[in-house]
Amino acid sequence: MSGGAVLGWDIGAGLQLGAALGLSPLILAELLPPIEAVMVRKINETLQAGSGLT
């Protein structure tokens, strides 16, 4: 994946997955955005370093 970047997650899908697991939507709405920010940053760092993701 040359020159690509991850922009974000599908938060709606994350909320649905959490609901299916019986987790509180309020907790999910509070926790998913900061987790998403870290994961997107780390994935993009990995992509830029050229090691790629498989």
PDB file of N, CA and C in Angstrom:
ATOM      1  N   MET A   1       0.853  -1.171   0.000  1.00  0.00           N
ATOM      2  CA  MET A   1       0.000   0.000   0.000  1.00  0.00           C
ATOM      3  C   MET A   1       0.896   1.230   0.000  1.00  0.00           C
ATOM      4  N   SER A   2       1.260   1.678  -1.126  1.00  0.00           N
ATOM      5  CA  SER A   2       2.170   2.803  -1.268  1.00  0.00           C
ATOM      6  C   SER A   2       1.414   4.123  -1.207  1.00  0.00           C
ATOM      7  N   GLY A   3       1.823   5.006  -0.297  1.00  0.00           N
ATOM      8  CA  GLY A   3       1.220   6.322  -0.210  1.00  0.00           C
ATOM      9  C   GLY A   3      -0.150   6.368   0.445  1.00  0.00           C
ATOM     10  N   GLY A   4      -0.602   5.282   0.997  1.00  0.00           N
ATOM     11  CA  GLY A   4      -1.913   5.245   1.625  1.00  0.00           C
ATOM     12  C   GLY A   4      -1.850   5.620   3.093  1.00  0.00           C
ATOM     13  N   ALA A   5      -3.011   5.865   3.659  1.00  0.00           N
ATOM     14  CA  ALA A   5      -3.099   6.192   5.074  1.00  0.00           C
ATOM     15  C   ALA A   5      -4.466   5.757   5.597  1.00  0.00           C
ATOM     16  N   VAL A   6      -4.483   5.420   6.859  1.00  0.00           N
ATOM     17  CA  VAL A   6      -5.729   5.100   7.542  1.00  0.00           C
ATOM     18  C   VAL A   6      -6.265   6.406   8.124  1.00  0.00           C
ATOM     19  N   LEU A   7      -7.535   6.704   7.873  1.00  0.00           N
ATOM     20  CA  LEU A   7      -8.136   7.941   8.357  1.00  0.00           C
ATOM     21  C   LEU A   7      -8.929   7.755   9.634  1.00  0.00           C
ATOM     22  N   GLY A   8      -9.500   6.579   9.816  1.00  0.00           N
ATOM     23  CA  GLY A   8     -10.292   6.350  11.013  1.00  0.00           C
ATOM     24  C   GLY A   8     -11.032   5.035  10.943  1.00  0.00           C
ATOM     25  N   TRP A   9     -11.739   4.759  12.000  1.00  0.00           N
ATOM     26  CA  TRP A   9     -12.542   3.539  12.107  1.00  0.00           C
ATOM     27  C   TRP A   9     -13.998   3.859  11.825  1.00  0.00           C
ATOM     28  N   ASP A  10     -14.775   2.811  11.628  1.00  0.00           N
ATOM     29  CA  ASP A  10     -16.228   2.937  11.549  1.00  0.00           C
ATOM     30  C   ASP A  10     -16.751   2.851  12.982  1.00  0.00           C
ATOM     31  N   ILE A  11     -16.929   4.004  13.607  1.00  0.00           N
ATOM     32  CA  ILE A  11     -17.335   4.044  15.020  1.00  0.00           C
ATOM     33  C   ILE A  11     -18.714   3.425  15.215  1.00  0.00           C
ATOM     34  N   GLY A  12     -19.601   3.590  14.224  1.00  0.00           N
ATOM     35  CA  GLY A  12     -20.928   2.978  14.317  1.00  0.00           C
ATOM     36  C   GLY A  12     -20.835   1.470  14.447  1.00  0.00           C
ATOM     37  N   ALA A  13     -19.918   0.881  13.685  1.00  0.00           N
ATOM     38  CA  ALA A  13     -19.725  -0.568  13.774  1.00  0.00           C
ATOM     39  C   ALA A  13     -19.150  -0.945  15.141  1.00  0.00           C
ATOM     40  N   GLY A  14     -18.253  -0.118  15.643  1.00  0.00           N
ATOM     41  CA  GLY A  14     -17.693  -0.370  16.971  1.00  0.00           C
ATOM     42  C   GLY A  14     -18.758  -0.310  18.059  1.00  0.00           C
ATOM     43  N   LEU A  15     -19.665   0.640  17.932  1.00  0.00           N
ATOM     44  CA  LEU A  15     -20.767   0.751  18.904  1.00  0.00           C
ATOM     45  C   LEU A  15     -21.691  -0.463  18.823  1.00  0.00           C
ATOM     46  N   GLN A  16     -21.972  -0.916  17.606  1.00  0.00           N
ATOM     47  CA  GLN A  16     -22.821  -2.102  17.437  1.00  0.00           C
ATOM     48  C   GLN A  16     -22.138  -3.348  17.997  1.00  0.00           C
ATOM     49  N   LEU A  17     -20.847  -3.477  17.748  1.00  0.00           N
ATOM     50  CA  LEU A  17     -20.106  -4.621  18.283  1.00  0.00           C
ATOM     51  C   LEU A  17     -20.132  -4.603  19.806  1.00  0.00           C
ATOM     52  N   GLY A  18     -19.905  -3.424  20.379  1.00  0.00           N
ATOM     53  CA  GLY A  18     -19.952  -3.305  21.833  1.00  0.00           C
ATOM     54  C   GLY A  18     -21.330  -3.631  22.388  1.00  0.00           C
ATOM     55  N   ALA A  19     -22.374  -3.175  21.716  1.00  0.00           N
ATOM     56  CA  ALA A  19     -23.744  -3.480  22.149  1.00  0.00           C
ATOM     57  C   ALA A  19     -23.994  -4.983  22.101  1.00  0.00           C
ATOM     58  N   ALA A  20     -23.490  -5.639  21.052  1.00  0.00           N
ATOM     59  CA  ALA A  20     -23.655  -7.096  20.938  1.00  0.00           C
ATOM     60  C   ALA A  20     -22.932  -7.823  22.068  1.00  0.00           C
ATOM     61  N   LEU A  21     -21.883  -7.197  22.587  1.00  0.00           N
ATOM     62  CA  LEU A  21     -21.136  -7.786  23.703  1.00  0.00           C
ATOM     63  C   LEU A  21     -21.707  -7.374  25.061  1.00  0.00           C
ATOM     64  N   GLY A  22     -22.766  -6.555  25.032  1.00  0.00           N
ATOM     65  CA  GLY A  22     -23.421  -6.149  26.272  1.00  0.00           C
ATOM     66  C   GLY A  22     -22.760  -4.975  26.971  1.00  0.00           C
ATOM     67  N   LEU A  23     -21.948  -4.200  26.253  1.00  0.00           N
ATOM     68  CA  LEU A  23     -21.265  -3.060  26.852  1.00  0.00           C
ATOM     69  C   LEU A  23     -22.135  -1.811  26.774  1.00  0.00           C
ATOM     70  N   SER A  24     -21.944  -0.921  27.702  1.00  0.00           N
ATOM     71  CA  SER A  24     -22.707   0.320  27.766  1.00  0.00           C
ATOM     72  C   SER A  24     -22.347   1.245  26.602  1.00  0.00           C
ATOM     73  N   PRO A  25     -23.348   1.733  25.869  1.00  0.00           N
ATOM     74  CA  PRO A  25     -23.066   2.670  24.776  1.00  0.00           C
ATOM     75  C   PRO A  25     -22.375   3.951  25.260  1.00  0.00           C
ATOM     76  N   LEU A  26     -22.689   4.386  26.476  1.00  0.00           N
ATOM     77  CA  LEU A  26     -22.050   5.592  27.003  1.00  0.00           C
ATOM     78  C   LEU A  26     -20.559   5.366  27.232  1.00  0.00           C
ATOM     79  N   ILE A  27     -20.213   4.219  27.759  1.00  0.00           N
ATOM     80  CA  ILE A  27     -18.801   3.892  27.973  1.00  0.00           C
ATOM     81  C   ILE A  27     -18.085   3.773  26.634  1.00  0.00           C
ATOM     82  N   LEU A  28     -18.724   3.097  25.674  1.00  0.00           N
ATOM     83  CA  LEU A  28     -18.123   2.934  24.350  1.00  0.00           C
ATOM     84  C   LEU A  28     -17.905   4.281  23.678  1.00  0.00           C
ATOM     85  N   ALA A  29     -18.892   5.169  23.779  1.00  0.00           N
ATOM     86  CA  ALA A  29     -18.776   6.491  23.163  1.00  0.00           C
ATOM     87  C   ALA A  29     -17.647   7.297  23.794  1.00  0.00           C
ATOM     88  N   GLU A  30     -17.356   7.015  25.041  1.00  0.00           N
ATOM     89  CA  GLU A  30     -16.276   7.710  25.743  1.00  0.00           C
ATOM     90  C   GLU A  30     -14.907   7.114  25.408  1.00  0.00           C
ATOM     91  N   LEU A  31     -14.838   5.795  25.266  1.00  0.00           N
ATOM     92  CA  LEU A  31     -13.547   5.129  25.106  1.00  0.00           C
ATOM     93  C   LEU A  31     -13.096   4.932  23.658  1.00  0.00           C
ATOM     94  N   LEU A  32     -14.023   4.716  22.739  1.00  0.00           N
ATOM     95  CA  LEU A  32     -13.616   4.409  21.366  1.00  0.00           C
ATOM     96  C   LEU A  32     -12.847   5.540  20.670  1.00  0.00           C
ATOM     97  N   PRO A  33     -13.249   6.808  20.764  1.00  0.00           N
ATOM     98  CA  PRO A  33     -12.501   7.849  20.050  1.00  0.00           C
ATOM     99  C   PRO A  33     -11.018   7.961  20.447  1.00  0.00           C
ATOM    100  N   PRO A  34     -10.662   7.957  21.737  1.00  0.00           N
ATOM    101  CA  PRO A  34      -9.230   8.036  22.048  1.00  0.00           C
ATOM    102  C   PRO A  34      -8.464   6.769  21.637  1.00  0.00           C
ATOM    103  N   ILE A  35      -9.111   5.616  21.729  1.00  0.00           N
ATOM    104  CA  ILE A  35      -8.469   4.378  21.276  1.00  0.00           C
ATOM    105  C   ILE A  35      -8.253   4.448  19.764  1.00  0.00           C
ATOM    106  N   GLU A  36      -9.266   4.927  19.049  1.00  0.00           N
ATOM    107  CA  GLU A  36      -9.159   5.070  17.593  1.00  0.00           C
ATOM    108  C   GLU A  36      -7.996   5.988  17.224  1.00  0.00           C
ATOM    109  N   ALA A  37      -7.856   7.102  17.920  1.00  0.00           N
ATOM    110  CA  ALA A  37      -6.802   8.069  17.600  1.00  0.00           C
ATOM    111  C   ALA A  37      -5.420   7.439  17.719  1.00  0.00           C
ATOM    112  N   VAL A  38      -5.201   6.678  18.789  1.00  0.00           N
ATOM    113  CA  VAL A  38      -3.901   6.023  18.988  1.00  0.00           C
ATOM    114  C   VAL A  38      -3.663   4.961  17.925  1.00  0.00           C
ATOM    115  N   MET A  39      -4.669   4.141  17.653  1.00  0.00           N
ATOM    116  CA  MET A  39      -4.512   3.077  16.667  1.00  0.00           C
ATOM    117  C   MET A  39      -4.256   3.637  15.267  1.00  0.00           C
ATOM    118  N   VAL A  40      -4.978   4.669  14.872  1.00  0.00           N
ATOM    119  CA  VAL A  40      -4.773   5.267  13.555  1.00  0.00           C
ATOM    120  C   VAL A  40      -3.359   5.834  13.451  1.00  0.00           C
ATOM    121  N   ARG A  41      -2.924   6.519  14.496  1.00  0.00           N
ATOM    122  CA  ARG A  41      -1.573   7.097  14.488  1.00  0.00           C
ATOM    123  C   ARG A  41      -0.514   6.007  14.358  1.00  0.00           C
ATOM    124  N   LYS A  42      -0.657   4.923  15.112  1.00  0.00           N
ATOM    125  CA  LYS A  42       0.332   3.841  15.084  1.00  0.00           C
ATOM    126  C   LYS A  42       0.314   3.095  13.749  1.00  0.00           C
ATOM    127  N   ILE A  43      -0.863   2.860  13.202  1.00  0.00           N
ATOM    128  CA  ILE A  43      -0.953   2.186  11.899  1.00  0.00           C
ATOM    129  C   ILE A  43      -0.301   3.042  10.828  1.00  0.00           C
ATOM    130  N   ASN A  44      -0.559   4.338  10.832  1.00  0.00           N
ATOM    131  CA  ASN A  44       0.038   5.223   9.837  1.00  0.00           C
ATOM    132  C   ASN A  44       1.551   5.327   9.998  1.00  0.00           C
ATOM    133  N   GLU A  45       2.039   5.305  11.245  1.00  0.00           N
ATOM    134  CA  GLU A  45       3.489   5.293  11.473  1.00  0.00           C
ATOM    135  C   GLU A  45       4.103   4.028  10.876  1.00  0.00           C
ATOM    136  N   THR A  46       3.440   2.903  11.068  1.00  0.00           N
ATOM    137  CA  THR A  46       3.923   1.641  10.522  1.00  0.00           C
ATOM    138  C   THR A  46       3.934   1.675   8.999  1.00  0.00           C
ATOM    139  N   LEU A  47       2.884   2.215   8.405  1.00  0.00           N
ATOM    140  CA  LEU A  47       2.813   2.311   6.948  1.00  0.00           C
ATOM    141  C   LEU A  47       3.897   3.227   6.407  1.00  0.00           C
ATOM    142  N   GLN A  48       4.140   4.352   7.067  1.00  0.00           N
ATOM    143  CA  GLN A  48       5.158   5.289   6.615  1.00  0.00           C
ATOM    144  C   GLN A  48       6.563   4.735   6.771  1.00  0.00           C
ATOM    145  N   ALA A  49       6.755   3.857   7.768  1.00  0.00           N
ATOM    146  CA  ALA A  49       8.064   3.257   7.985  1.00  0.00           C
ATOM    147  C   ALA A  49       8.381   2.208   6.921  1.00  0.00           C
ATOM    148  N   GLY A  50       7.365   1.850   6.146  1.00  0.00           N
ATOM    149  CA  GLY A  50       7.584   0.908   5.062  1.00  0.00           C
ATOM    150  C   GLY A  50       7.465  -0.549   5.438  1.00  0.00           C
ATOM    151  N   SER A  51       7.162  -0.820   6.695  1.00  0.00           N
ATOM    152  CA  SER A  51       7.041  -2.213   7.100  1.00  0.00           C
ATOM    153  C   SER A  51       5.685  -2.796   6.698  1.00  0.00           C
ATOM    154  N   GLY A  52       4.718  -1.934   6.454  1.00  0.00           N
ATOM    155  CA  GLY A  52       3.408  -2.381   5.976  1.00  0.00           C
ATOM    156  C   GLY A  52       2.651  -3.236   6.962  1.00  0.00           C
ATOM    157  N   LEU A  53       1.428  -3.515   6.630  1.00  0.00           N
ATOM    158  CA  LEU A  53       0.567  -4.352   7.452  1.00  0.00           C
ATOM    159  C   LEU A  53       0.037  -5.474   6.595  1.00  0.00           C
ATOM    160  N   THR A  54       0.046  -6.656   7.116  1.00  0.00           N
ATOM    161  CA  THR A  54      -0.496  -7.798   6.355  1.00  0.00           C
ATOM    162  C   THR A  54      -1.538  -8.501   7.176  1.00  0.00           C
TER     163      THR A  54
END
